[in-house]
Amino acid sequence: MVPAWQGLLSVVGRVALATIFLMSAVGNKIPNYGAVTEYMAAHGVPAPKLLLAPAILFLVAGSVSVILGYKTRLGALLLFLFLVPTTYYFHNFWAVSGDAAQAETIQFMKNLSMAGAMLFLVANGGGAWSLDARRPFVRPVAPEA
């Protein structure tokens, strides 16, 4: 692939993948903190008032990290760790029936695919045009004189 296309596609892919997490934090969870904790409690999440703050931190730090391609592996891991309990508590298709089960199955599978994408980033990094790609992983050590 032409390097310029590879770089552009890497950036666009990271932005497309991470925007949902950033918008969830700044567009919903932060401005509606109280309502979100009530929603979490209604779905059986333990200590929602305590757990929502780190969830927001994971969302913001992880999504900005993935978008910029800076410490992409860590950012993707944060988003993966957010997705696991979120998917379990909020998209438990096995606990509902009828149309709700179908809707939750779709949401569960969507989250599963995003979790897979996060694991892919953990394994492979941010790709071309990421800040990670611009800095060396190991700094050379000058020989002693």
C-alpha atoms as a PDB file:
ATOM      1  CA  MET A   1       0.000   0.000   0.000  1.00  0.00           C
ATOM      2  CA  VAL A   2       1.165   3.541  -0.687  1.00  0.00           C
ATOM      3  CA  PRO A   3       2.543   4.930   2.607  1.00  0.00           C
ATOM      4  CA  ALA A   4       0.479   8.123   2.381  1.00  0.00           C
ATOM      5  CA  TRP A   5      -2.729   6.099   2.033  1.00  0.00           C
ATOM      6  CA  GLN A   6      -1.691   3.822   4.866  1.00  0.00           C
ATOM      7  CA  GLY A   7      -1.080   6.830   7.107  1.00  0.00           C
ATOM      8  CA  LEU A   8      -4.351   8.507   6.201  1.00  0.00           C
ATOM      9  CA  LEU A   9      -6.361   5.309   6.679  1.00  0.00           C
ATOM     10  CA  SER A  10      -4.691   4.703  10.043  1.00  0.00           C
ATOM     11  CA  VAL A  11      -5.678   8.159  11.288  1.00  0.00           C
ATOM     12  CA  VAL A  12      -9.220   7.961   9.938  1.00  0.00           C
ATOM     13  CA  GLY A  13      -9.642   4.474  11.402  1.00  0.00           C
ATOM     14  CA  ARG A  14      -8.409   5.507  14.845  1.00  0.00           C
ATOM     15  CA  VAL A  15     -10.673   8.568  14.874  1.00  0.00           C
ATOM     16  CA  ALA A  16     -13.699   6.573  13.697  1.00  0.00           C
ATOM     17  CA  LEU A  17     -13.074   3.882  16.275  1.00  0.00           C
ATOM     18  CA  ALA A  18     -12.495   6.139  19.284  1.00  0.00           C
ATOM     19  CA  THR A  19     -14.990   8.969  18.715  1.00  0.00           C
ATOM     20  CA  ILE A  20     -17.915   7.000  20.153  1.00  0.00           C
ATOM     21  CA  PHE A  21     -16.053   6.641  23.462  1.00  0.00           C
ATOM     22  CA  LEU A  22     -15.062  10.297  23.710  1.00  0.00           C
ATOM     23  CA  MET A  23     -18.565  11.511  22.830  1.00  0.00           C
ATOM     24  CA  SER A  24     -20.068   9.116  25.355  1.00  0.00           C
ATOM     25  CA  ALA A  25     -17.959  10.672  28.103  1.00  0.00           C
ATOM     26  CA  VAL A  26     -18.237  14.368  27.244  1.00  0.00           C
ATOM     27  CA  GLY A  27     -21.713  14.302  25.718  1.00  0.00           C
ATOM     28  CA  ASN A  28     -23.496  12.068  28.207  1.00  0.00           C
ATOM     29  CA  LYS A  29     -21.663  10.767  31.253  1.00  0.00           C
ATOM     30  CA  ILE A  30     -20.012  13.983  32.456  1.00  0.00           C
ATOM     31  CA  PRO A  31     -23.011  16.340  32.048  1.00  0.00           C
ATOM     32  CA  ASN A  32     -25.490  13.712  33.334  1.00  0.00           C
ATOM     33  CA  TYR A  33     -23.367  12.205  36.106  1.00  0.00           C
ATOM     34  CA  GLY A  34     -26.249  11.727  38.583  1.00  0.00           C
ATOM     35  CA  ALA A  35     -28.641  10.248  36.044  1.00  0.00           C
ATOM     36  CA  VAL A  36     -25.945   7.932  34.724  1.00  0.00           C
ATOM     37  CA  THR A  37     -25.168   6.616  38.229  1.00  0.00           C
ATOM     38  CA  GLU A  38     -28.887   5.926  38.733  1.00  0.00           C
ATOM     39  CA  TYR A  39     -28.981   4.082  35.398  1.00  0.00           C
ATOM     40  CA  MET A  40     -25.922   2.071  36.411  1.00  0.00           C
ATOM     41  CA  ALA A  41     -27.515   1.170  39.764  1.00  0.00           C
ATOM     42  CA  ALA A  42     -30.715   0.077  38.004  1.00  0.00           C
ATOM     43  CA  HIS A  43     -28.640  -2.327  35.904  1.00  0.00           C
ATOM     44  CA  GLY A  44     -26.946  -3.896  38.920  1.00  0.00           C
ATOM     45  CA  VAL A  45     -23.559  -2.161  38.683  1.00  0.00           C
ATOM     46  CA  PRO A  46     -21.992  -2.191  42.156  1.00  0.00           C
ATOM     47  CA  ALA A  47     -20.929   1.192  43.629  1.00  0.00           C
ATOM     48  CA  PRO A  48     -21.936   3.233  40.572  1.00  0.00           C
ATOM     49  CA  LYS A  49     -21.042   6.604  42.132  1.00  0.00           C
ATOM     50  CA  LEU A  50     -17.548   5.280  42.820  1.00  0.00           C
ATOM     51  CA  LEU A  51     -17.066   3.500  39.472  1.00  0.00           C
ATOM     52  CA  LEU A  52     -18.374   6.164  37.102  1.00  0.00           C
ATOM     53  CA  ALA A  53     -15.427   8.534  37.660  1.00  0.00           C
ATOM     54  CA  PRO A  54     -12.761   5.994  36.625  1.00  0.00           C
ATOM     55  CA  ALA A  55     -14.992   4.877  33.734  1.00  0.00           C
ATOM     56  CA  ILE A  56     -15.037   8.474  32.463  1.00  0.00           C
ATOM     57  CA  LEU A  57     -11.276   8.685  32.912  1.00  0.00           C
ATOM     58  CA  PHE A  58     -10.818   5.452  30.915  1.00  0.00           C
ATOM     59  CA  LEU A  59     -13.115   6.789  28.173  1.00  0.00           C
ATOM     60  CA  VAL A  60     -11.447  10.179  27.831  1.00  0.00           C
ATOM     61  CA  ALA A  61      -7.826   9.074  28.257  1.00  0.00           C
ATOM     62  CA  GLY A  62      -8.285   5.961  26.128  1.00  0.00           C
ATOM     63  CA  SER A  63     -10.072   7.674  23.273  1.00  0.00           C
ATOM     64  CA  VAL A  64      -7.687  10.660  23.123  1.00  0.00           C
ATOM     65  CA  SER A  65      -4.754   8.246  23.224  1.00  0.00           C
ATOM     66  CA  VAL A  66      -6.133   6.165  20.356  1.00  0.00           C
ATOM     67  CA  ILE A  67      -7.099   9.210  18.271  1.00  0.00           C
ATOM     68  CA  LEU A  68      -3.654  10.780  18.600  1.00  0.00           C
ATOM     69  CA  GLY A  69      -1.847   7.482  18.346  1.00  0.00           C
ATOM     70  CA  TYR A  70       0.083   8.351  21.502  1.00  0.00           C
ATOM     71  CA  LYS A  71       0.577   5.365  23.800  1.00  0.00           C
ATOM     72  CA  THR A  72      -2.032   3.726  21.620  1.00  0.00           C
ATOM     73  CA  ARG A  73      -1.648   0.299  23.186  1.00  0.00           C
ATOM     74  CA  LEU A  74      -2.364   1.658  26.667  1.00  0.00           C
ATOM     75  CA  GLY A  75      -5.306   3.744  25.455  1.00  0.00           C
ATOM     76  CA  ALA A  76      -6.809   0.776  23.642  1.00  0.00           C
ATOM     77  CA  LEU A  77      -6.349  -1.354  26.762  1.00  0.00           C
ATOM     78  CA  LEU A  78      -8.246   1.253  28.823  1.00  0.00           C
ATOM     79  CA  LEU A  79     -11.112   1.179  26.335  1.00  0.00           C
ATOM     80  CA  PHE A  80     -11.096  -2.622  26.285  1.00  0.00           C
ATOM     81  CA  LEU A  81     -11.257  -2.672  30.100  1.00  0.00           C
ATOM     82  CA  PHE A  82     -14.189  -0.249  29.926  1.00  0.00           C
ATOM     83  CA  LEU A  83     -16.013  -2.417  27.384  1.00  0.00           C
ATOM     84  CA  VAL A  84     -15.897  -5.679  29.352  1.00  0.00           C
ATOM     85  CA  PRO A  85     -18.091  -4.739  32.340  1.00  0.00           C
ATOM     86  CA  THR A  86     -20.162  -2.311  30.259  1.00  0.00           C
ATOM     87  CA  THR A  87     -21.096  -5.052  27.832  1.00  0.00           C
ATOM     88  CA  TYR A  88     -21.885  -7.503  30.636  1.00  0.00           C
ATOM     89  CA  TYR A  89     -24.095  -5.168  32.665  1.00  0.00           C
ATOM     90  CA  PHE A  90     -25.873  -3.212  29.941  1.00  0.00           C
ATOM     91  CA  HIS A  91     -26.225  -5.640  27.044  1.00  0.00           C
ATOM     92  CA  ASN A  92     -27.129  -8.877  28.822  1.00  0.00           C
ATOM     93  CA  PHE A  93     -29.276 -10.350  26.066  1.00  0.00           C
ATOM     94  CA  TRP A  94     -29.469 -13.628  28.005  1.00  0.00           C
ATOM     95  CA  ALA A  95     -31.553 -11.959  30.754  1.00  0.00           C
ATOM     96  CA  VAL A  96     -34.296 -10.514  28.532  1.00  0.00           C
ATOM     97  CA  SER A  97     -36.679 -11.879  25.925  1.00  0.00           C
ATOM     98  CA  GLY A  98     -38.461 -10.900  22.733  1.00  0.00           C
ATOM     99  CA  ASP A  99     -37.510  -7.738  20.883  1.00  0.00           C
ATOM    100  CA  ALA A 100     -35.359  -6.604  23.815  1.00  0.00           C
ATOM    101  CA  ALA A 101     -33.235  -9.742  23.494  1.00  0.00           C
ATOM    102  CA  GLN A 102     -32.661  -9.073  19.801  1.00  0.00           C
ATOM    103  CA  ALA A 103     -31.743  -5.426  20.442  1.00  0.00           C
ATOM    104  CA  GLU A 104     -29.370  -6.340  23.270  1.00  0.00           C
ATOM    105  CA  THR A 105     -27.777  -9.081  21.181  1.00  0.00           C
ATOM    106  CA  ILE A 106     -27.004  -6.520  18.488  1.00  0.00           C
ATOM    107  CA  GLN A 107     -25.524  -4.120  21.063  1.00  0.00           C
ATOM    108  CA  PHE A 108     -23.553  -6.956  22.661  1.00  0.00           C
ATOM    109  CA  MET A 109     -22.090  -7.947  19.286  1.00  0.00           C
ATOM    110  CA  LYS A 110     -21.271  -4.289  18.493  1.00  0.00           C
ATOM    111  CA  ASN A 111     -19.346  -4.018  21.758  1.00  0.00           C
ATOM    112  CA  LEU A 112     -17.663  -7.357  21.079  1.00  0.00           C
ATOM    113  CA  SER A 113     -16.429  -6.053  17.728  1.00  0.00           C
ATOM    114  CA  MET A 114     -15.125  -2.849  19.334  1.00  0.00           C
ATOM    115  CA  ALA A 115     -13.391  -4.921  22.023  1.00  0.00           C
ATOM    116  CA  GLY A 116     -11.769  -6.948  19.251  1.00  0.00           C
ATOM    117  CA  ALA A 117     -10.599  -3.766  17.555  1.00  0.00           C
ATOM    118  CA  MET A 118      -9.097  -2.589  20.860  1.00  0.00           C
ATOM    119  CA  LEU A 119      -7.219  -5.867  21.259  1.00  0.00           C
ATOM    120  CA  PHE A 120      -5.966  -5.451  17.696  1.00  0.00           C
ATOM    121  CA  LEU A 121      -4.593  -2.015  18.627  1.00  0.00           C
ATOM    122  CA  VAL A 122      -3.039  -3.418  21.802  1.00  0.00           C
ATOM    123  CA  ALA A 123      -1.266  -6.035  19.698  1.00  0.00           C
ATOM    124  CA  ASN A 124      -0.290  -3.829  16.728  1.00  0.00           C
ATOM    125  CA  GLY A 125      -0.187  -0.236  17.910  1.00  0.00           C
ATOM    126  CA  GLY A 126      -1.533   2.878  16.208  1.00  0.00           C
ATOM    127  CA  GLY A 127       0.044   2.352  12.810  1.00  0.00           C
ATOM    128  CA  ALA A 128       1.296   4.938  10.410  1.00  0.00           C
ATOM    129  CA  TRP A 129       0.877   8.622  11.182  1.00  0.00           C
ATOM    130  CA  SER A 130       0.568   7.891  14.907  1.00  0.00           C
ATOM    131  CA  LEU A 131       2.668   9.730  17.454  1.00  0.00           C
ATOM    132  CA  ASP A 132       3.934   6.340  18.583  1.00  0.00           C
ATOM    133  CA  ALA A 133       5.360   5.698  15.119  1.00  0.00           C
ATOM    134  CA  ARG A 134       7.298   8.967  15.255  1.00  0.00           C
ATOM    135  CA  ARG A 135       9.287   8.184  18.396  1.00  0.00           C
ATOM    136  CA  PRO A 136      11.755   5.383  18.933  1.00  0.00           C
ATOM    137  CA  PHE A 137      10.741   2.600  21.273  1.00  0.00           C
ATOM    138  CA  VAL A 138      14.282   2.195  22.563  1.00  0.00           C
ATOM    139  CA  ARG A 139      16.627   5.110  22.827  1.00  0.00           C
ATOM    140  CA  PRO A 140      20.167   4.280  21.804  1.00  0.00           C
ATOM    141  CA  VAL A 141      22.675   4.361  24.604  1.00  0.00           C
ATOM    142  CA  ALA A 142      25.937   6.135  23.870  1.00  0.00           C
ATOM    143  CA  PRO A 143      28.969   3.921  24.456  1.00  0.00           C
ATOM    144  CA  GLU A 144      31.072   4.823  27.449  1.00  0.00           C
ATOM    145  CA  ALA A 145      34.424   6.372  26.616  1.00  0.00           C
END
